[in-house]
Each structure stands twice: as C-alpha cells, then as structure tokens.
Amino acid sequence: MKPIYKKLSLGIVATLMLCCSGGDSSGGIPDPQPVPDPVAAILIFPANNTECNEGEILSAQQSRVTFQWNASQNTDSYEVRLTNLNTNSITSTISNTNEAAIVIQRATPYEWSVTSRARGSNQTASSPVWRFYNAGEGVSNYAPFPATAIFPERGSTLTNAGTITLQWETSDIDGDLASFEVYLEENNTGPQTLIGTTSENFLEVTVSPSSVYYWQVVSKDAAGNSSVSEVFQFAVE
C-alpha cells in the first residue's frame, strides 16, 4: 500500500506546483482593453447657413425641430449644444441615438454642434459648428447671422500697438449683406463709439499700448434687417 500513497502524494504536489506557477502576476486576469476614443459626428439637419422650415409648429413662437447627424464610431451618447444667437443662451440635450427633437424659438437664428462621448473614456469629439434660422410666420427676409471675431481673437493680447485690422465673418441666408457698423472703445460696459462703416469684413483701427479694447459689429442687409454681434475683447501690451 505504501507505494500507492507515495504516488498519490507526488501527484498532489505536482498539481499544487502547477496551480501556483500558472498564469501571470495578476492572477490570470488580463489587463482591460483601452476604450477607443469617440469620433466626431457629421451634422445633417438643420443644414448650415439655411432656413429651417421643417418641424412641428407648436405656436406662433415655438416649433419642435428634429436635429439629425450621422452616428459616429466608438460613441455611446451625444450632447447637442444649441445657442440662441439673439440671446446667446446655451442649452444642452443628451441623446443615445443620432437625432434629438428639441423645442426652439421661431424666426430666430441658432448655432448648433454635437459632442460624441464614450463610456469609460474622458475623451470627447466635437462636430463642426453650424448655423441656421428657424423659420418664422410671415418672415420673407431674414437678418444676417451675428458676426464672429476672426482677429483679434476673443481674449487675446497683442504685442504691438499702432494700426491693426479688425476682422470678422458672418453670412446671410438671403444673400443680401450690405454693410457693417463697427464699434470700438475702452469701456467694459460695451462699446458705444462708432468708428467706421464698411461693406468689407475688415476695418483698420488705431490702438494704444497698455490698453484693453471692446468691439462689436452690427451687420445689415439690403432689406434693412440687422444683427448685433457679441462684444469681443482684446488687450494691447
């Protein structure tokens, strides 16, 4: 009987040795795979620089518009960021699909974009920013979109004083942009001084060192409609 006990003992020891030596230092649990970064969505509707005339009319003031975009890779949810360009108020809507129905104001310009998000990742991806006018009752000609600053960039600091060229961009769905009024001064309550009117999207101005400037653009079209930009600010060393 003793040889049998010896064989059994050797077998148990060998099994224990295999169990203790097998696998990696983490106990055989593989390292988690990294979560792929989400990819930016491609916007579809409302189209850029157009009048949005599709949607459910709720009242003379509001309608429900379904925003749509292409589903992006490695994405679990989307955040629709919507800016009312008349009030600069921002709203966010979360969607788990590639569309979202949102109630918005009629006869109002908007700016929208979509941010892609993935569970388990801090990385996000943002779509381009598109602008549109939500159609309004009895509106035949729309005001230009409010201008956005190109140069100097908002909050930037210039190293040289003297003559600089303010630059901005805008668009008009009716294609009848006519002129721009530009206001500039050292006044943090908002620029009140008209420094020039132009049909171009730039204007040369003179600035002084050790100063902070605030400027604004009023865009006008041939039908007499106008829009007022945000107040942009820059400093000069």
Protein backbone atom coordinates (compact mmCIF):
# COMPACT_ATOMS: atom_id res chain seq x y z
CA MET A 1 0.00 0.00 0.00
CA LYS A 2 2.89 2.39 0.72
CA PRO A 3 3.94 2.80 -2.97
CA ILE A 4 0.38 3.84 -3.81
CA TYR A 5 0.37 6.56 -1.09
CA LYS A 6 3.74 7.79 -2.38
CA LYS A 7 2.42 8.11 -5.94
CA LEU A 8 -0.68 9.96 -4.75
CA SER A 9 1.41 12.37 -2.70
CA LEU A 10 3.69 13.15 -5.63
CA GLY A 11 0.68 13.74 -7.87
CA ILE A 12 -0.90 16.19 -5.41
CA VAL A 13 2.37 18.12 -5.00
CA ALA A 14 2.80 18.38 -8.78
CA THR A 15 -0.74 19.67 -9.19
CA LEU A 16 -0.23 22.29 -6.50
CA MET A 17 3.01 23.43 -8.11
CA LEU A 18 1.30 23.84 -11.47
CA CYS A 19 -1.52 25.83 -9.91
CA CYS A 20 0.86 28.13 -8.07
CA SER A 21 3.18 28.70 -11.02
CA GLY A 22 0.50 29.01 -13.75
CA GLY A 23 -0.86 32.38 -15.06
CA ASP A 24 0.65 35.84 -14.67
CA SER A 25 1.31 38.01 -11.64
CA SER A 26 -2.21 39.41 -11.82
CA GLY A 27 -3.76 36.06 -11.03
CA GLY A 28 -4.57 35.22 -14.66
CA ILE A 29 -6.88 38.26 -15.20
CA PRO A 30 -5.95 40.01 -18.48
CA ASP A 31 -5.41 43.76 -18.50
CA PRO A 32 -8.54 45.68 -19.56
CA GLN A 33 -8.53 46.86 -23.15
CA PRO A 34 -8.39 50.67 -23.53
CA VAL A 35 -11.65 52.31 -24.58
CA PRO A 36 -11.30 53.69 -28.14
CA ASP A 37 -11.71 57.45 -28.43
CA PRO A 38 -15.07 58.56 -29.89
CA VAL A 39 -15.17 60.01 -33.40
CA ALA A 40 -16.75 63.37 -34.27
CA ALA A 41 -20.29 63.25 -35.69
CA ILE A 42 -21.19 64.59 -39.13
CA LEU A 43 -24.10 67.03 -38.96
CA ILE A 44 -27.07 66.57 -41.30
CA PHE A 45 -30.06 68.72 -40.32
CA PRO A 46 -30.70 71.64 -39.94
CA ALA A 47 -28.22 72.41 -42.70
CA ASN A 48 -25.59 75.11 -42.33
CA ASN A 49 -26.49 78.71 -43.28
CA THR A 50 -30.05 77.87 -44.27
CA GLU A 51 -33.62 78.48 -43.20
CA CYS A 52 -35.05 75.53 -41.31
CA ASN A 53 -38.67 75.15 -42.47
CA GLU A 54 -39.24 71.59 -41.30
CA GLY A 55 -40.60 70.73 -37.90
CA GLU A 56 -43.73 70.64 -35.82
CA ILE A 57 -45.22 74.08 -35.25
CA LEU A 58 -46.32 74.35 -31.62
CA SER A 59 -47.33 78.02 -31.55
CA ALA A 60 -46.58 81.34 -33.22
CA GLN A 61 -43.42 81.48 -31.12
CA GLN A 62 -42.16 77.87 -30.95
CA SER A 63 -41.67 74.74 -33.03
CA ARG A 64 -40.18 71.30 -32.41
CA VAL A 65 -37.25 70.53 -34.71
CA THR A 66 -35.57 67.12 -35.00
CA PHE A 67 -31.79 67.60 -35.17
CA GLN A 68 -30.01 64.83 -37.07
CA TRP A 69 -26.40 63.72 -37.55
CA ASN A 70 -24.53 60.62 -38.70
CA ALA A 71 -23.83 58.08 -35.96
CA SER A 72 -20.12 58.21 -35.13
CA GLN A 73 -17.77 55.36 -34.23
CA ASN A 74 -16.89 54.45 -30.62
CA THR A 75 -19.75 56.61 -29.33
CA ASP A 76 -22.35 55.76 -26.68
CA SER A 77 -24.10 59.13 -26.36
CA TYR A 78 -24.24 62.57 -27.93
CA GLU A 79 -24.61 66.07 -26.50
CA VAL A 80 -26.39 68.58 -28.73
CA ARG A 81 -25.20 72.08 -27.86
CA LEU A 82 -27.60 74.76 -29.10
CA THR A 83 -27.04 78.54 -28.90
CA ASN A 84 -29.77 81.13 -29.43
CA LEU A 85 -27.85 83.83 -31.31
CA ASN A 86 -30.30 86.54 -30.31
CA THR A 87 -29.82 85.99 -26.58
CA ASN A 88 -26.56 83.94 -26.56
CA SER A 89 -28.29 81.48 -24.22
CA ILE A 90 -26.99 77.91 -24.47
CA THR A 91 -28.87 74.65 -23.94
CA SER A 92 -27.63 71.05 -23.99
CA THR A 93 -29.59 67.93 -24.88
CA ILE A 94 -28.31 64.35 -24.42
CA SER A 95 -29.27 61.66 -26.92
CA ASN A 96 -28.37 57.97 -27.20
CA THR A 97 -29.27 57.95 -30.89
CA ASN A 98 -28.26 60.10 -33.85
CA GLU A 99 -31.17 62.52 -33.52
CA ALA A 100 -32.90 64.71 -30.95
CA ALA A 101 -36.24 66.56 -31.05
CA ILE A 102 -35.84 69.98 -29.42
CA VAL A 103 -38.34 72.81 -28.92
CA ILE A 104 -36.87 76.12 -30.14
CA GLN A 105 -37.99 79.68 -30.91
CA ARG A 106 -39.32 80.52 -34.37
CA ALA A 107 -37.87 83.35 -36.51
CA THR A 108 -34.65 83.00 -34.53
CA PRO A 109 -31.03 82.34 -35.54
CA TYR A 110 -29.28 79.39 -33.91
CA GLU A 111 -25.87 77.77 -33.76
CA TRP A 112 -25.50 74.04 -33.05
CA SER A 113 -22.93 71.29 -32.70
CA VAL A 114 -22.73 67.72 -31.42
CA THR A 115 -20.22 66.25 -28.96
CA SER A 116 -19.59 62.48 -29.08
CA ARG A 117 -18.96 60.65 -25.79
CA ALA A 118 -17.94 57.08 -24.87
CA ARG A 119 -18.46 55.24 -21.59
CA GLY A 120 -15.18 54.64 -19.77
CA SER A 121 -13.34 57.42 -21.61
CA ASN A 122 -12.70 61.05 -20.72
CA GLN A 123 -12.06 61.87 -24.37
CA THR A 124 -14.75 63.56 -26.48
CA ALA A 125 -15.03 64.61 -30.12
CA SER A 126 -16.84 67.69 -31.38
CA SER A 127 -18.51 68.23 -34.74
CA PRO A 128 -18.18 71.47 -36.72
CA VAL A 129 -20.48 74.32 -35.65
CA TRP A 130 -23.42 75.03 -37.98
CA ARG A 131 -25.80 77.99 -38.09
CA PHE A 132 -29.42 78.19 -39.24
CA TYR A 133 -32.55 80.31 -38.95
CA ASN A 134 -35.64 78.61 -37.56
CA ALA A 135 -38.47 79.68 -39.86
CA GLY A 136 -40.96 82.22 -38.59
CA GLU A 137 -44.52 83.08 -39.52
CA GLY A 138 -44.70 85.80 -42.18
CA VAL A 139 -40.91 86.26 -42.43
CA SER A 140 -39.79 86.72 -46.04
CA ASN A 141 -36.30 88.08 -45.44
CA TYR A 142 -34.02 87.22 -42.53
CA ALA A 143 -31.39 89.34 -40.79
CA PRO A 144 -27.74 88.35 -41.24
CA PHE A 145 -26.24 85.96 -38.72
CA PRO A 146 -24.39 87.85 -35.95
CA ALA A 147 -20.74 88.39 -36.81
CA THR A 148 -18.00 86.37 -35.11
CA ALA A 149 -14.50 87.72 -34.44
CA ILE A 150 -11.58 86.45 -36.52
CA PHE A 151 -8.87 88.91 -35.46
CA PRO A 152 -8.01 89.72 -32.81
CA GLU A 153 -9.29 86.51 -31.28
CA ARG A 154 -11.51 86.95 -28.27
CA GLY A 155 -9.44 87.48 -25.11
CA SER A 156 -6.13 87.66 -26.97
CA THR A 157 -3.22 90.02 -26.22
CA LEU A 158 -1.42 91.92 -28.97
CA THR A 159 2.26 92.73 -28.56
CA ASN A 160 2.38 95.74 -30.88
CA ALA A 161 0.32 98.91 -30.68
CA GLY A 162 -0.45 101.13 -33.63
CA THR A 163 -2.67 100.23 -36.57
CA ILE A 164 -4.36 96.83 -36.59
CA THR A 165 -7.05 95.33 -38.80
CA LEU A 166 -10.19 94.09 -37.12
CA GLN A 167 -11.60 91.08 -39.00
CA TRP A 168 -14.88 89.23 -38.63
CA GLU A 169 -17.10 86.83 -40.53
CA THR A 170 -20.83 86.33 -40.99
CA SER A 171 -23.34 85.08 -43.54
CA ASP A 172 -26.89 85.77 -44.68
CA ILE A 173 -29.29 83.12 -45.96
CA ASP A 174 -30.89 85.66 -48.30
CA GLY A 175 -27.51 86.65 -49.73
CA ASP A 176 -28.11 90.39 -49.39
CA LEU A 177 -25.46 91.54 -46.90
CA ALA A 178 -24.94 95.26 -47.39
CA SER A 179 -22.76 96.85 -44.71
CA PHE A 180 -21.20 96.63 -41.25
CA GLU A 181 -21.04 99.17 -38.46
CA VAL A 182 -18.05 98.70 -36.16
CA TYR A 183 -17.94 99.98 -32.58
CA LEU A 184 -14.76 100.11 -30.50
CA GLU A 185 -13.64 101.68 -27.23
CA GLU A 186 -12.00 101.10 -23.85
CA ASN A 187 -15.23 100.55 -21.97
CA ASN A 188 -16.07 97.27 -20.29
CA THR A 189 -19.77 98.09 -20.28
CA GLY A 190 -19.80 97.69 -24.05
CA PRO A 191 -18.58 99.76 -26.99
CA GLN A 192 -20.69 102.81 -27.80
CA THR A 193 -18.45 104.67 -30.26
CA LEU A 194 -18.98 104.06 -33.97
CA ILE A 195 -15.54 104.04 -35.55
CA GLY A 196 -16.48 103.10 -39.10
CA THR A 197 -18.96 101.67 -41.60
CA THR A 198 -17.79 99.33 -44.33
CA SER A 199 -19.06 96.84 -46.87
CA GLU A 200 -16.00 94.64 -46.25
CA ASN A 201 -15.47 92.25 -43.34
CA PHE A 202 -12.44 94.13 -42.00
CA LEU A 203 -11.55 97.62 -40.77
CA GLU A 204 -8.27 99.26 -39.80
CA VAL A 205 -8.18 100.92 -36.38
CA THR A 206 -5.55 102.54 -34.16
CA VAL A 207 -4.86 101.11 -30.69
CA SER A 208 -2.61 102.25 -27.83
CA PRO A 209 -0.28 100.25 -25.57
CA SER A 210 -1.31 99.09 -22.08
CA SER A 211 -4.98 99.14 -23.05
CA VAL A 212 -7.96 96.79 -23.15
CA TYR A 213 -10.43 97.21 -26.00
CA TYR A 214 -14.02 96.08 -26.55
CA TRP A 215 -15.55 95.92 -30.01
CA GLN A 216 -18.80 94.92 -31.68
CA VAL A 217 -20.17 94.58 -35.20
CA VAL A 218 -23.66 95.38 -36.45
CA SER A 219 -24.39 93.53 -39.71
CA LYS A 220 -27.03 94.96 -42.06
CA ASP A 221 -28.69 93.63 -45.20
CA ALA A 222 -30.31 95.31 -48.18
CA ALA A 223 -33.80 94.82 -46.74
CA GLY A 224 -32.94 96.85 -43.64
CA ASN A 225 -32.57 93.89 -41.28
CA SER A 226 -29.67 93.93 -38.84
CA SER A 227 -27.98 91.75 -36.23
CA VAL A 228 -25.65 92.67 -33.38
CA SER A 229 -22.62 90.56 -32.53
CA GLU A 230 -21.37 89.71 -29.08
CA VAL A 231 -18.89 92.12 -27.50
CA PHE A 232 -15.35 90.98 -28.31
CA GLN A 233 -12.39 91.94 -26.13
CA PHE A 234 -8.61 92.09 -26.62
CA ALA A 235 -5.65 93.69 -24.88
CA VAL A 236 -2.56 95.54 -26.10
CA GLU A 237 0.70 95.26 -24.16
